[in-house]
Amino acid sequence: MRLVGFYVPPAPFRRLWASEAARVFGGQLLGIVLPWIYLRVVHSPETYGFLMTLTSIPRVVGSASSAWWNKRSPAVAVMRRASSVAALMAAGVALAVSFPRTDLWIMMPFIIVMAFTEGVYFPAVGTAVRQLLPEESWQQANALIQGTNQVGRMVASFVLAPVVTKVAYWASCAIVAALYLFTSLVLPTSRPRPAADGAQAEPSPRPCQVVVGEDPTG
């Protein structure tokens, strides 16, 4: 649907759009607070670089495996599970950093799993657009999501960067957990995956008809 030259998405996509915006905001907040947590615990540039690399590897693995997940479940269901797991992991990080002495190696399993879910989540967004909308709306919907991502990252980084240093790290991680939980809850209901191209439904058997008439042989 179009209104005064602007694309107005239908209701299911608006929920997808809202969840994506919350996910971008939570991801940016996490991307700001994690380096500060690393710097608080370690004081070696080599160790810091190792931790940043260790965090990025699961994201790449999750992105590479996203096609496998999307083939087995609707994309919206994949996104909901990824966000739910990420919310639990963010809550675990918030609990870990709330202690007076932060043990980084207790936090890393939570962070690694959370990075993996991020890699699984974002490729599923494009698949969800194709499953929720007709083909003529794909271009406008994808452009809307990409614009939201770019603007959201810039705005979130500009607004959150000076705030994160003044807020307790556990509170920031708790906000991330809340945003990921909101992402999971606001997603639209999963729809059945459409049939593959070229696949045709098998014709239903025609009922047998018995014609009663005269015997032609006499």
N, C-alpha and C. Protein backbone atom coordinates (compact mmCIF):
# COMPACT_ATOMS: atom_id res chain seq x y z
N MET A 1 0.85 -1.19 0.00
CA MET A 1 0.00 0.00 0.00
C MET A 1 0.88 1.23 0.00
N ARG A 2 0.50 2.25 -0.80
CA ARG A 2 1.27 3.49 -0.88
C ARG A 2 0.39 4.65 -0.42
N LEU A 3 0.99 5.62 0.21
CA LEU A 3 0.28 6.80 0.68
C LEU A 3 1.18 8.01 0.50
N VAL A 4 0.78 8.94 -0.40
CA VAL A 4 1.53 10.16 -0.67
C VAL A 4 2.99 9.85 -1.00
N GLY A 5 3.19 8.83 -1.82
CA GLY A 5 4.53 8.52 -2.27
C GLY A 5 5.38 7.72 -1.30
N PHE A 6 4.88 7.43 -0.11
CA PHE A 6 5.64 6.68 0.87
C PHE A 6 5.08 5.26 0.97
N TYR A 7 5.97 4.33 1.26
CA TYR A 7 5.56 2.94 1.39
C TYR A 7 5.04 2.70 2.80
N VAL A 8 3.81 2.26 2.90
CA VAL A 8 3.20 1.93 4.19
C VAL A 8 3.07 0.42 4.26
N PRO A 9 3.88 -0.26 5.07
CA PRO A 9 3.87 -1.72 5.08
C PRO A 9 2.64 -2.25 5.78
N PRO A 10 2.23 -3.48 5.47
CA PRO A 10 1.10 -4.09 6.16
C PRO A 10 1.45 -4.44 7.60
N ALA A 11 0.42 -4.85 8.35
CA ALA A 11 0.60 -5.07 9.79
C ALA A 11 1.68 -6.10 10.14
N PRO A 12 1.73 -7.28 9.49
CA PRO A 12 2.79 -8.25 9.87
C PRO A 12 4.19 -7.69 9.68
N PHE A 13 4.38 -6.94 8.59
CA PHE A 13 5.71 -6.38 8.37
C PHE A 13 6.02 -5.27 9.37
N ARG A 14 5.01 -4.51 9.81
CA ARG A 14 5.26 -3.47 10.80
C ARG A 14 5.79 -4.08 12.10
N ARG A 15 5.30 -5.26 12.46
CA ARG A 15 5.81 -5.93 13.65
C ARG A 15 7.24 -6.42 13.42
N LEU A 16 7.50 -6.92 12.23
CA LEU A 16 8.87 -7.31 11.88
C LEU A 16 9.80 -6.11 11.93
N TRP A 17 9.34 -4.99 11.44
CA TRP A 17 10.12 -3.76 11.41
C TRP A 17 10.42 -3.28 12.84
N ALA A 18 9.41 -3.33 13.71
CA ALA A 18 9.62 -2.91 15.11
C ALA A 18 10.62 -3.82 15.81
N SER A 19 10.53 -5.12 15.56
CA SER A 19 11.47 -6.05 16.19
C SER A 19 12.88 -5.82 15.68
N GLU A 20 13.00 -5.51 14.39
CA GLU A 20 14.33 -5.26 13.82
C GLU A 20 14.94 -4.00 14.42
N ALA A 21 14.12 -2.96 14.60
CA ALA A 21 14.63 -1.73 15.20
C ALA A 21 15.11 -1.97 16.64
N ALA A 22 14.35 -2.74 17.40
CA ALA A 22 14.77 -3.06 18.77
C ALA A 22 16.04 -3.89 18.77
N ARG A 23 16.15 -4.81 17.83
CA ARG A 23 17.34 -5.66 17.76
C ARG A 23 18.57 -4.82 17.40
N VAL A 24 18.43 -3.89 16.47
CA VAL A 24 19.55 -3.03 16.10
C VAL A 24 19.99 -2.19 17.30
N PHE A 25 19.03 -1.63 18.01
CA PHE A 25 19.35 -0.80 19.17
C PHE A 25 20.06 -1.63 20.24
N GLY A 26 19.54 -2.85 20.51
CA GLY A 26 20.20 -3.70 21.49
C GLY A 26 21.59 -4.13 21.06
N GLY A 27 21.74 -4.45 19.76
CA GLY A 27 23.06 -4.84 19.27
C GLY A 27 24.08 -3.72 19.36
N GLN A 28 23.65 -2.49 19.08
CA GLN A 28 24.58 -1.37 19.20
C GLN A 28 24.95 -1.11 20.65
N LEU A 29 24.00 -1.22 21.55
CA LEU A 29 24.31 -1.04 22.97
C LEU A 29 25.29 -2.11 23.44
N LEU A 30 25.08 -3.34 23.00
CA LEU A 30 25.99 -4.41 23.38
C LEU A 30 27.37 -4.19 22.77
N GLY A 31 27.41 -3.70 21.52
CA GLY A 31 28.69 -3.45 20.88
C GLY A 31 29.48 -2.33 21.55
N ILE A 32 28.80 -1.46 22.27
CA ILE A 32 29.50 -0.39 22.99
C ILE A 32 29.96 -0.86 24.36
N VAL A 33 29.10 -1.61 25.06
CA VAL A 33 29.40 -1.97 26.44
C VAL A 33 30.41 -3.11 26.53
N LEU A 34 30.42 -4.03 25.56
CA LEU A 34 31.34 -5.17 25.65
C LEU A 34 32.80 -4.74 25.65
N PRO A 35 33.24 -3.85 24.74
CA PRO A 35 34.64 -3.42 24.83
C PRO A 35 35.00 -2.79 26.17
N TRP A 36 34.08 -2.06 26.77
CA TRP A 36 34.35 -1.48 28.08
C TRP A 36 34.50 -2.55 29.14
N ILE A 37 33.70 -3.60 29.03
CA ILE A 37 33.82 -4.71 29.99
C ILE A 37 35.17 -5.40 29.80
N TYR A 38 35.56 -5.61 28.53
CA TYR A 38 36.87 -6.23 28.28
C TYR A 38 38.00 -5.39 28.87
N LEU A 39 37.92 -4.07 28.63
CA LEU A 39 38.98 -3.20 29.15
C LEU A 39 38.99 -3.16 30.67
N ARG A 40 37.85 -3.34 31.28
CA ARG A 40 37.80 -3.35 32.74
C ARG A 40 38.48 -4.59 33.31
N VAL A 41 38.40 -5.68 32.59
CA VAL A 41 38.91 -6.95 33.13
C VAL A 41 40.35 -7.18 32.71
N VAL A 42 40.70 -6.91 31.45
CA VAL A 42 42.05 -7.17 30.96
C VAL A 42 42.75 -5.84 30.71
N HIS A 43 44.04 -5.87 30.77
CA HIS A 43 44.83 -4.66 30.55
C HIS A 43 45.91 -4.88 29.49
N SER A 44 45.75 -5.92 28.71
CA SER A 44 46.73 -6.25 27.68
C SER A 44 46.10 -6.03 26.31
N PRO A 45 46.72 -5.26 25.42
CA PRO A 45 46.18 -5.08 24.07
C PRO A 45 46.05 -6.39 23.31
N GLU A 46 46.99 -7.31 23.53
CA GLU A 46 46.91 -8.59 22.85
C GLU A 46 45.69 -9.38 23.30
N THR A 47 45.44 -9.40 24.61
CA THR A 47 44.28 -10.12 25.13
C THR A 47 42.99 -9.47 24.66
N TYR A 48 42.97 -8.15 24.63
CA TYR A 48 41.78 -7.44 24.16
C TYR A 48 41.49 -7.79 22.69
N GLY A 49 42.51 -7.78 21.86
CA GLY A 49 42.32 -8.15 20.46
C GLY A 49 41.87 -9.58 20.31
N PHE A 50 42.40 -10.47 21.13
CA PHE A 50 41.98 -11.87 21.08
C PHE A 50 40.50 -12.00 21.45
N LEU A 51 40.06 -11.28 22.45
CA LEU A 51 38.66 -11.35 22.87
C LEU A 51 37.73 -10.80 21.79
N MET A 52 38.10 -9.72 21.15
CA MET A 52 37.28 -9.17 20.09
C MET A 52 37.18 -10.14 18.92
N THR A 53 38.29 -10.80 18.59
CA THR A 53 38.26 -11.79 17.51
C THR A 53 37.42 -12.99 17.90
N LEU A 54 37.56 -13.43 19.15
CA LEU A 54 36.79 -14.57 19.63
C LEU A 54 35.30 -14.27 19.60
N THR A 55 34.93 -13.03 19.80
CA THR A 55 33.52 -12.66 19.76
C THR A 55 32.98 -12.64 18.33
N SER A 56 33.82 -12.31 17.37
CA SER A 56 33.35 -12.18 15.98
C SER A 56 33.24 -13.53 15.27
N ILE A 57 34.02 -14.52 15.68
CA ILE A 57 34.00 -15.81 14.98
C ILE A 57 32.62 -16.47 15.05
N PRO A 58 31.97 -16.58 16.22
CA PRO A 58 30.64 -17.20 16.25
C PRO A 58 29.62 -16.48 15.40
N ARG A 59 29.76 -15.17 15.24
CA ARG A 59 28.83 -14.43 14.39
C ARG A 59 28.96 -14.87 12.94
N VAL A 60 30.20 -15.10 12.50
CA VAL A 60 30.43 -15.56 11.14
C VAL A 60 29.89 -16.98 10.96
N VAL A 61 30.11 -17.83 11.95
CA VAL A 61 29.59 -19.21 11.87
C VAL A 61 28.07 -19.21 11.83
N GLY A 62 27.45 -18.38 12.67
CA GLY A 62 25.99 -18.30 12.66
C GLY A 62 25.45 -17.81 11.34
N SER A 63 26.10 -16.83 10.74
CA SER A 63 25.66 -16.32 9.45
C SER A 63 25.81 -17.38 8.36
N ALA A 64 26.91 -18.15 8.43
CA ALA A 64 27.11 -19.20 7.43
C ALA A 64 26.10 -20.33 7.55
N SER A 65 25.59 -20.55 8.77
CA SER A 65 24.62 -21.64 8.98
C SER A 65 23.19 -21.17 8.89
N SER A 66 22.95 -19.90 8.57
CA SER A 66 21.58 -19.38 8.57
C SER A 66 20.71 -20.06 7.52
N ALA A 67 21.29 -20.40 6.37
CA ALA A 67 20.50 -21.08 5.34
C ALA A 67 20.00 -22.43 5.83
N TRP A 68 20.82 -23.12 6.62
CA TRP A 68 20.41 -24.43 7.16
C TRP A 68 19.21 -24.26 8.09
N TRP A 69 19.23 -23.22 8.93
CA TRP A 69 18.11 -22.99 9.84
C TRP A 69 16.86 -22.58 9.09
N ASN A 70 17.01 -21.73 8.08
CA ASN A 70 15.84 -21.22 7.36
C ASN A 70 15.17 -22.29 6.52
N LYS A 71 15.89 -23.33 6.15
CA LYS A 71 15.28 -24.41 5.38
C LYS A 71 14.40 -25.30 6.24
N ARG A 72 14.63 -25.30 7.53
CA ARG A 72 13.92 -26.20 8.43
C ARG A 72 12.79 -25.53 9.20
N SER A 73 12.75 -24.23 9.23
CA SER A 73 11.69 -23.51 9.93
C SER A 73 11.43 -22.20 9.21
N PRO A 74 10.23 -21.64 9.35
CA PRO A 74 9.99 -20.30 8.81
C PRO A 74 10.97 -19.31 9.41
N ALA A 75 11.33 -18.32 8.62
CA ALA A 75 12.34 -17.36 9.06
C ALA A 75 11.92 -16.64 10.34
N VAL A 76 10.63 -16.33 10.48
CA VAL A 76 10.18 -15.63 11.69
C VAL A 76 10.40 -16.51 12.92
N ALA A 77 10.18 -17.82 12.78
CA ALA A 77 10.42 -18.72 13.91
C ALA A 77 11.90 -18.78 14.26
N VAL A 78 12.77 -18.76 13.25
CA VAL A 78 14.21 -18.74 13.49
C VAL A 78 14.60 -17.47 14.23
N MET A 79 14.06 -16.35 13.81
CA MET A 79 14.36 -15.07 14.45
C MET A 79 13.88 -15.05 15.89
N ARG A 80 12.68 -15.61 16.13
CA ARG A 80 12.14 -15.61 17.49
C ARG A 80 13.01 -16.46 18.42
N ARG A 81 13.44 -17.62 17.96
CA ARG A 81 14.29 -18.47 18.80
C ARG A 81 15.64 -17.81 19.05
N ALA A 82 16.21 -17.22 18.00
CA ALA A 82 17.51 -16.56 18.16
C ALA A 82 17.42 -15.41 19.15
N SER A 83 16.35 -14.62 19.08
CA SER A 83 16.20 -13.50 20.00
C SER A 83 15.94 -13.96 21.42
N SER A 84 15.17 -15.03 21.59
CA SER A 84 14.92 -15.55 22.93
C SER A 84 16.20 -16.05 23.58
N VAL A 85 17.00 -16.79 22.81
CA VAL A 85 18.28 -17.27 23.34
C VAL A 85 19.21 -16.10 23.65
N ALA A 86 19.23 -15.10 22.76
CA ALA A 86 20.09 -13.93 22.99
C ALA A 86 19.66 -13.18 24.25
N ALA A 87 18.35 -13.11 24.51
CA ALA A 87 17.88 -12.44 25.72
C ALA A 87 18.37 -13.17 26.97
N LEU A 88 18.32 -14.50 26.94
CA LEU A 88 18.83 -15.28 28.08
C LEU A 88 20.33 -15.08 28.26
N MET A 89 21.07 -15.06 27.15
CA MET A 89 22.51 -14.88 27.25
C MET A 89 22.87 -13.48 27.76
N ALA A 90 22.14 -12.46 27.30
CA ALA A 90 22.40 -11.10 27.79
C ALA A 90 22.09 -10.99 29.28
N ALA A 91 21.03 -11.69 29.73
CA ALA A 91 20.73 -11.70 31.16
C ALA A 91 21.85 -12.39 31.94
N GLY A 92 22.44 -13.44 31.35
CA GLY A 92 23.57 -14.11 32.00
C GLY A 92 24.78 -13.20 32.12
N VAL A 93 25.04 -12.42 31.07
CA VAL A 93 26.15 -11.46 31.13
C VAL A 93 25.88 -10.40 32.19
N ALA A 94 24.64 -9.92 32.26
CA ALA A 94 24.29 -8.91 33.27
C ALA A 94 24.51 -9.47 34.68
N LEU A 95 24.17 -10.73 34.89
CA LEU A 95 24.38 -11.33 36.20
C LEU A 95 25.86 -11.49 36.50
N ALA A 96 26.63 -11.87 35.47
CA ALA A 96 28.07 -12.09 35.68
C ALA A 96 28.79 -10.80 36.03
N VAL A 97 28.44 -9.69 35.38
CA VAL A 97 29.15 -8.44 35.64
C VAL A 97 28.62 -7.72 36.88
N SER A 98 27.54 -8.23 37.46
CA SER A 98 27.02 -7.60 38.68
C SER A 98 27.82 -7.97 39.92
N PHE A 99 28.62 -9.02 39.82
CA PHE A 99 29.45 -9.40 40.97
C PHE A 99 30.63 -8.43 41.11
N PRO A 100 31.13 -8.25 42.33
CA PRO A 100 32.25 -7.32 42.52
C PRO A 100 33.47 -7.67 41.67
N ARG A 101 33.74 -8.96 41.55
CA ARG A 101 34.88 -9.39 40.73
C ARG A 101 34.34 -10.10 39.50
N THR A 102 34.60 -9.51 38.34
CA THR A 102 34.10 -10.08 37.09
C THR A 102 35.09 -11.09 36.55
N ASP A 103 34.64 -12.32 36.39
CA ASP A 103 35.46 -13.37 35.78
C ASP A 103 35.10 -13.45 34.31
N LEU A 104 36.03 -13.03 33.47
CA LEU A 104 35.75 -12.95 32.04
C LEU A 104 35.41 -14.30 31.44
N TRP A 105 36.05 -15.36 31.91
CA TRP A 105 35.85 -16.67 31.29
C TRP A 105 34.51 -17.29 31.69
N ILE A 106 33.86 -16.74 32.70
CA ILE A 106 32.48 -17.13 32.98
C ILE A 106 31.53 -16.43 32.01
N MET A 107 31.88 -15.21 31.63
CA MET A 107 31.04 -14.45 30.72
C MET A 107 31.15 -14.91 29.27
N MET A 108 32.31 -15.41 28.86
CA MET A 108 32.54 -15.68 27.45
C MET A 108 31.57 -16.68 26.84
N PRO A 109 31.17 -17.76 27.52
CA PRO A 109 30.17 -18.63 26.88
C PRO A 109 28.88 -17.91 26.54
N PHE A 110 28.42 -17.03 27.43
CA PHE A 110 27.22 -16.26 27.13
C PHE A 110 27.43 -15.35 25.92
N ILE A 111 28.58 -14.70 25.88
CA ILE A 111 28.86 -13.77 24.78
C ILE A 111 28.99 -14.51 23.46
N ILE A 112 29.63 -15.68 23.47
CA ILE A 112 29.82 -16.44 22.24
C ILE A 112 28.48 -16.91 21.68
N VAL A 113 27.62 -17.44 22.55
CA VAL A 113 26.30 -17.89 22.09
C VAL A 113 25.49 -16.72 21.56
N MET A 114 25.58 -15.58 22.25
CA MET A 114 24.85 -14.39 21.81
C MET A 114 25.34 -13.93 20.44
N ALA A 115 26.64 -13.97 20.20
CA ALA A 115 27.18 -13.59 18.89
C ALA A 115 26.71 -14.57 17.81
N PHE A 116 26.61 -15.85 18.14
CA PHE A 116 26.12 -16.83 17.19
C PHE A 116 24.67 -16.54 16.79
N THR A 117 23.83 -16.20 17.78
CA THR A 117 22.43 -15.90 17.47
C THR A 117 22.31 -14.66 16.59
N GLU A 118 23.21 -13.70 16.77
CA GLU A 118 23.18 -12.52 15.92
C GLU A 118 23.47 -12.89 14.47
N GLY A 119 24.44 -13.80 14.27
CA GLY A 119 24.73 -14.25 12.92
C GLY A 119 23.58 -15.00 12.29
N VAL A 120 22.82 -15.75 13.10
CA VAL A 120 21.66 -16.49 12.58
C VAL A 120 20.50 -15.53 12.30
N TYR A 121 20.34 -14.50 13.13
CA TYR A 121 19.16 -13.65 13.08
C TYR A 121 19.12 -12.77 11.84
N PHE A 122 20.18 -12.03 11.57
CA PHE A 122 20.10 -11.00 10.55
C PHE A 122 19.87 -11.55 9.14
N PRO A 123 20.49 -12.66 8.70
CA PRO A 123 20.14 -13.18 7.37
C PRO A 123 18.69 -13.64 7.27
N ALA A 124 18.09 -14.04 8.40
CA ALA A 124 16.70 -14.50 8.37
C ALA A 124 15.73 -13.36 8.11
N VAL A 125 16.15 -12.11 8.32
CA VAL A 125 15.25 -10.98 8.12
C VAL A 125 14.84 -10.88 6.65
N GLY A 126 15.81 -11.00 5.74
CA GLY A 126 15.49 -10.94 4.33
C GLY A 126 14.58 -12.07 3.89
N THR A 127 14.80 -13.26 4.45
CA THR A 127 13.92 -14.38 4.14
C THR A 127 12.52 -14.14 4.67
N ALA A 128 12.41 -13.55 5.86
CA ALA A 128 11.10 -13.26 6.43
C ALA A 128 10.32 -12.27 5.57
N VAL A 129 11.02 -11.30 4.99
CA VAL A 129 10.35 -10.34 4.11
C VAL A 129 9.71 -11.06 2.94
N ARG A 130 10.41 -12.01 2.34
CA ARG A 130 9.87 -12.75 1.20
C ARG A 130 8.72 -13.65 1.61
N GLN A 131 8.71 -14.09 2.86
CA GLN A 131 7.63 -14.97 3.32
C GLN A 131 6.40 -14.20 3.78
N LEU A 132 6.57 -12.96 4.18
CA LEU A 132 5.45 -12.19 4.71
C LEU A 132 4.77 -11.30 3.68
N LEU A 133 5.50 -10.89 2.64
CA LEU A 133 4.99 -9.90 1.71
C LEU A 133 4.94 -10.45 0.29
N PRO A 134 4.06 -9.90 -0.54
CA PRO A 134 4.07 -10.27 -1.96
C PRO A 134 5.32 -9.75 -2.65
N GLU A 135 5.63 -10.33 -3.77
CA GLU A 135 6.89 -10.02 -4.45
C GLU A 135 7.02 -8.55 -4.82
N GLU A 136 5.92 -7.89 -5.17
CA GLU A 136 6.02 -6.49 -5.59
C GLU A 136 6.39 -5.56 -4.44
N SER A 137 6.33 -6.04 -3.20
CA SER A 137 6.67 -5.20 -2.04
C SER A 137 8.06 -5.49 -1.49
N TRP A 138 8.78 -6.45 -2.02
CA TRP A 138 10.07 -6.84 -1.46
C TRP A 138 11.07 -5.69 -1.50
N GLN A 139 11.15 -5.00 -2.62
CA GLN A 139 12.16 -3.95 -2.76
C GLN A 139 11.92 -2.83 -1.75
N GLN A 140 10.69 -2.37 -1.62
CA GLN A 140 10.40 -1.29 -0.68
C GLN A 140 10.64 -1.73 0.76
N ALA A 141 10.24 -2.96 1.08
CA ALA A 141 10.39 -3.45 2.45
C ALA A 141 11.87 -3.61 2.81
N ASN A 142 12.65 -4.17 1.91
CA ASN A 142 14.09 -4.33 2.19
C ASN A 142 14.78 -2.98 2.31
N ALA A 143 14.38 -2.03 1.47
CA ALA A 143 14.96 -0.69 1.57
C ALA A 143 14.60 -0.04 2.90
N LEU A 144 13.39 -0.29 3.38
CA LEU A 144 12.98 0.27 4.66
C LEU A 144 13.77 -0.33 5.81
N ILE A 145 14.01 -1.63 5.76
CA ILE A 145 14.78 -2.29 6.82
C ILE A 145 16.23 -1.84 6.78
N GLN A 146 16.82 -1.79 5.60
CA GLN A 146 18.21 -1.36 5.51
C GLN A 146 18.39 0.09 5.97
N GLY A 147 17.45 0.96 5.60
CA GLY A 147 17.53 2.33 6.07
C GLY A 147 17.39 2.43 7.58
N THR A 148 16.50 1.62 8.15
CA THR A 148 16.34 1.60 9.60
C THR A 148 17.63 1.13 10.27
N ASN A 149 18.26 0.12 9.71
CA ASN A 149 19.51 -0.39 10.28
C ASN A 149 20.60 0.68 10.26
N GLN A 150 20.77 1.33 9.12
CA GLN A 150 21.83 2.33 9.00
C GLN A 150 21.59 3.52 9.92
N VAL A 151 20.37 4.05 9.90
CA VAL A 151 20.06 5.21 10.75
C VAL A 151 20.12 4.82 12.21
N GLY A 152 19.57 3.61 12.53
CA GLY A 152 19.58 3.16 13.92
C GLY A 152 20.98 2.99 14.47
N ARG A 153 21.88 2.46 13.67
CA ARG A 153 23.26 2.30 14.14
C ARG A 153 23.93 3.65 14.39
N MET A 154 23.72 4.59 13.49
CA MET A 154 24.34 5.90 13.68
C MET A 154 23.77 6.62 14.88
N VAL A 155 22.45 6.63 15.00
CA VAL A 155 21.82 7.33 16.11
C VAL A 155 22.14 6.67 17.44
N ALA A 156 22.06 5.32 17.46
CA ALA A 156 22.33 4.61 18.71
C ALA A 156 23.77 4.83 19.17
N SER A 157 24.71 4.77 18.23
CA SER A 157 26.11 4.98 18.61
C SER A 157 26.34 6.40 19.13
N PHE A 158 25.72 7.38 18.48
CA PHE A 158 25.91 8.77 18.89
C PHE A 158 25.28 9.04 20.26
N VAL A 159 24.12 8.45 20.51
CA VAL A 159 23.40 8.73 21.76
C VAL A 159 23.94 7.89 22.91
N LEU A 160 24.26 6.62 22.63
CA LEU A 160 24.58 5.69 23.72
C LEU A 160 26.03 5.76 24.16
N ALA A 161 26.94 6.11 23.26
CA ALA A 161 28.36 6.08 23.60
C ALA A 161 28.69 6.89 24.85
N PRO A 162 28.22 8.13 24.98
CA PRO A 162 28.56 8.87 26.21
C PRO A 162 27.77 8.42 27.43
N VAL A 163 26.68 7.67 27.23
CA VAL A 163 25.84 7.27 28.35
C VAL A 163 26.34 5.98 29.00
N VAL A 164 26.88 5.08 28.16
CA VAL A 164 27.26 3.76 28.66
C VAL A 164 28.30 3.86 29.77
N THR A 165 29.23 4.79 29.65
CA THR A 165 30.28 4.91 30.67
C THR A 165 29.74 5.40 32.01
N LYS A 166 28.53 5.96 32.01
CA LYS A 166 27.96 6.47 33.26
C LYS A 166 26.92 5.54 33.86
N VAL A 167 26.63 4.45 33.18
CA VAL A 167 25.64 3.48 33.65
C VAL A 167 26.37 2.20 34.02
N ALA A 168 25.88 1.54 35.04
CA ALA A 168 26.49 0.26 35.44
C ALA A 168 26.43 -0.73 34.29
N TYR A 169 27.49 -1.51 34.15
CA TYR A 169 27.56 -2.44 33.03
C TYR A 169 26.43 -3.47 33.12
N TRP A 170 26.09 -3.92 34.31
CA TRP A 170 25.02 -4.90 34.44
C TRP A 170 23.69 -4.31 34.00
N ALA A 171 23.49 -3.00 34.24
CA ALA A 171 22.25 -2.36 33.82
C ALA A 171 22.18 -2.28 32.30
N SER A 172 23.31 -1.96 31.65
CA SER A 172 23.33 -1.92 30.19
C SER A 172 23.01 -3.29 29.60
N CYS A 173 23.62 -4.33 30.16
CA CYS A 173 23.35 -5.69 29.67
C CYS A 173 21.91 -6.10 29.94
N ALA A 174 21.35 -5.66 31.05
CA ALA A 174 19.94 -5.95 31.34
C ALA A 174 19.03 -5.27 30.33
N ILE A 175 19.38 -4.06 29.92
CA ILE A 175 18.59 -3.37 28.89
C ILE A 175 18.68 -4.13 27.57
N VAL A 176 19.88 -4.63 27.25
CA VAL A 176 20.03 -5.43 26.04
C VAL A 176 19.14 -6.67 26.10
N ALA A 177 19.11 -7.34 27.26
CA ALA A 177 18.27 -8.52 27.41
C ALA A 177 16.80 -8.16 27.21
N ALA A 178 16.37 -7.01 27.77
CA ALA A 178 14.98 -6.58 27.61
C ALA A 178 14.65 -6.29 26.15
N LEU A 179 15.57 -5.65 25.43
CA LEU A 179 15.34 -5.35 24.02
C LEU A 179 15.26 -6.62 23.18
N TYR A 180 16.13 -7.59 23.48
CA TYR A 180 16.07 -8.85 22.74
C TYR A 180 14.79 -9.62 23.06
N LEU A 181 14.33 -9.54 24.29
CA LEU A 181 13.07 -10.18 24.64
C LEU A 181 11.91 -9.50 23.92
N PHE A 182 11.93 -8.17 23.87
CA PHE A 182 10.91 -7.44 23.11
C PHE A 182 10.95 -7.86 21.64
N THR A 183 12.15 -8.01 21.09
CA THR A 183 12.29 -8.45 19.70
C THR A 183 11.60 -9.78 19.47
N SER A 184 11.76 -10.70 20.40
CA SER A 184 11.16 -12.02 20.27
C SER A 184 9.64 -11.96 20.38
N LEU A 185 9.13 -11.14 21.29
CA LEU A 185 7.69 -11.10 21.55
C LEU A 185 6.91 -10.36 20.47
N VAL A 186 7.52 -9.35 19.86
CA VAL A 186 6.79 -8.50 18.93
C VAL A 186 6.77 -9.07 17.52
N LEU A 187 7.56 -10.10 17.24
CA LEU A 187 7.59 -10.67 15.90
C LEU A 187 6.22 -11.21 15.50
N PRO A 188 5.87 -11.12 14.22
CA PRO A 188 4.57 -11.63 13.78
C PRO A 188 4.51 -13.15 13.87
N THR A 189 3.30 -13.67 13.77
CA THR A 189 3.11 -15.11 13.82
C THR A 189 3.71 -15.76 12.59
N SER A 190 4.35 -16.90 12.81
CA SER A 190 4.96 -17.61 11.69
C SER A 190 3.90 -18.06 10.71
N ARG A 191 4.23 -17.97 9.46
CA ARG A 191 3.33 -18.43 8.41
C ARG A 191 3.91 -19.65 7.75
N PRO A 192 3.06 -20.53 7.19
CA PRO A 192 3.59 -21.70 6.50
C PRO A 192 4.43 -21.31 5.31
N ARG A 193 5.50 -22.03 5.12
CA ARG A 193 6.41 -21.74 4.00
C ARG A 193 5.69 -22.03 2.69
N PRO A 194 5.73 -21.10 1.71
CA PRO A 194 5.07 -21.35 0.44
C PRO A 194 5.75 -22.48 -0.31
N ALA A 195 4.99 -23.09 -1.21
CA ALA A 195 5.52 -24.21 -1.98
C ALA A 195 6.64 -23.74 -2.87
N ALA A 196 7.63 -24.61 -3.10
CA ALA A 196 8.77 -24.26 -3.94
C ALA A 196 8.32 -24.04 -5.37
N ASP A 197 9.11 -23.23 -6.10
CA ASP A 197 8.79 -22.96 -7.50
C ASP A 197 8.81 -24.25 -8.29
N GLY A 198 7.84 -24.38 -9.16
CA GLY A 198 7.79 -25.55 -10.01
C GLY A 198 7.10 -26.72 -9.36
N ALA A 199 6.87 -26.64 -8.06
CA ALA A 199 6.19 -27.74 -7.40
C ALA A 199 4.71 -27.60 -7.62
N GLN A 200 4.05 -28.67 -8.02
CA GLN A 200 2.63 -28.67 -8.29
C GLN A 200 1.96 -29.67 -7.38
N ALA A 201 0.81 -29.27 -6.94
CA ALA A 201 0.06 -30.19 -6.08
C ALA A 201 -0.41 -31.38 -6.90
N GLU A 202 -0.37 -32.54 -6.29
CA GLU A 202 -0.82 -33.74 -6.97
C GLU A 202 -2.32 -33.66 -7.19
N PRO A 203 -2.78 -34.00 -8.36
CA PRO A 203 -4.22 -33.94 -8.63
C PRO A 203 -4.94 -34.93 -7.75
N SER A 204 -6.06 -34.49 -7.22
CA SER A 204 -6.85 -35.38 -6.38
C SER A 204 -7.53 -36.42 -7.25
N PRO A 205 -7.63 -37.64 -6.76
CA PRO A 205 -8.26 -38.69 -7.57
C PRO A 205 -9.72 -38.39 -7.84
N ARG A 206 -10.12 -38.59 -9.07
CA ARG A 206 -11.50 -38.34 -9.45
C ARG A 206 -12.36 -39.52 -9.01
N PRO A 207 -13.53 -39.21 -8.51
CA PRO A 207 -14.39 -40.32 -8.07
C PRO A 207 -14.83 -41.15 -9.25
N CYS A 208 -14.93 -42.43 -8.99
CA CYS A 208 -15.37 -43.34 -10.04
C CYS A 208 -16.85 -43.09 -10.34
N GLN A 209 -17.19 -43.07 -11.60
CA GLN A 209 -18.57 -42.87 -12.02
C GLN A 209 -19.06 -44.14 -12.69
N VAL A 210 -20.20 -44.53 -12.29
CA VAL A 210 -20.83 -45.73 -12.87
C VAL A 210 -22.00 -45.28 -13.69
N VAL A 211 -21.97 -45.58 -14.97
CA VAL A 211 -23.04 -45.19 -15.89
C VAL A 211 -23.93 -46.37 -16.09
N VAL A 212 -25.17 -46.16 -15.83
CA VAL A 212 -26.17 -47.24 -15.99
C VAL A 212 -26.87 -47.02 -17.30
N GLY A 213 -26.83 -47.98 -18.15
CA GLY A 213 -27.49 -47.86 -19.44
C GLY A 213 -27.68 -49.23 -20.08
N GLU A 214 -28.06 -49.23 -21.35
CA GLU A 214 -28.27 -50.49 -22.06
C GLU A 214 -26.95 -51.12 -22.45
N ASP A 215 -26.89 -52.42 -22.45
CA ASP A 215 -25.70 -53.15 -22.86
C ASP A 215 -25.60 -53.08 -24.37
N PRO A 216 -24.50 -52.48 -24.90
CA PRO A 216 -24.38 -52.35 -26.36
C PRO A 216 -24.30 -53.68 -27.08
N THR A 217 -23.93 -54.74 -26.38
CA THR A 217 -23.83 -56.05 -27.05
C THR A 217 -25.17 -56.74 -27.15
N GLY A 218 -26.16 -56.11 -26.54
CA GLY A 218 -27.48 -56.71 -26.60
C GLY A 218 -27.61 -57.79 -25.58
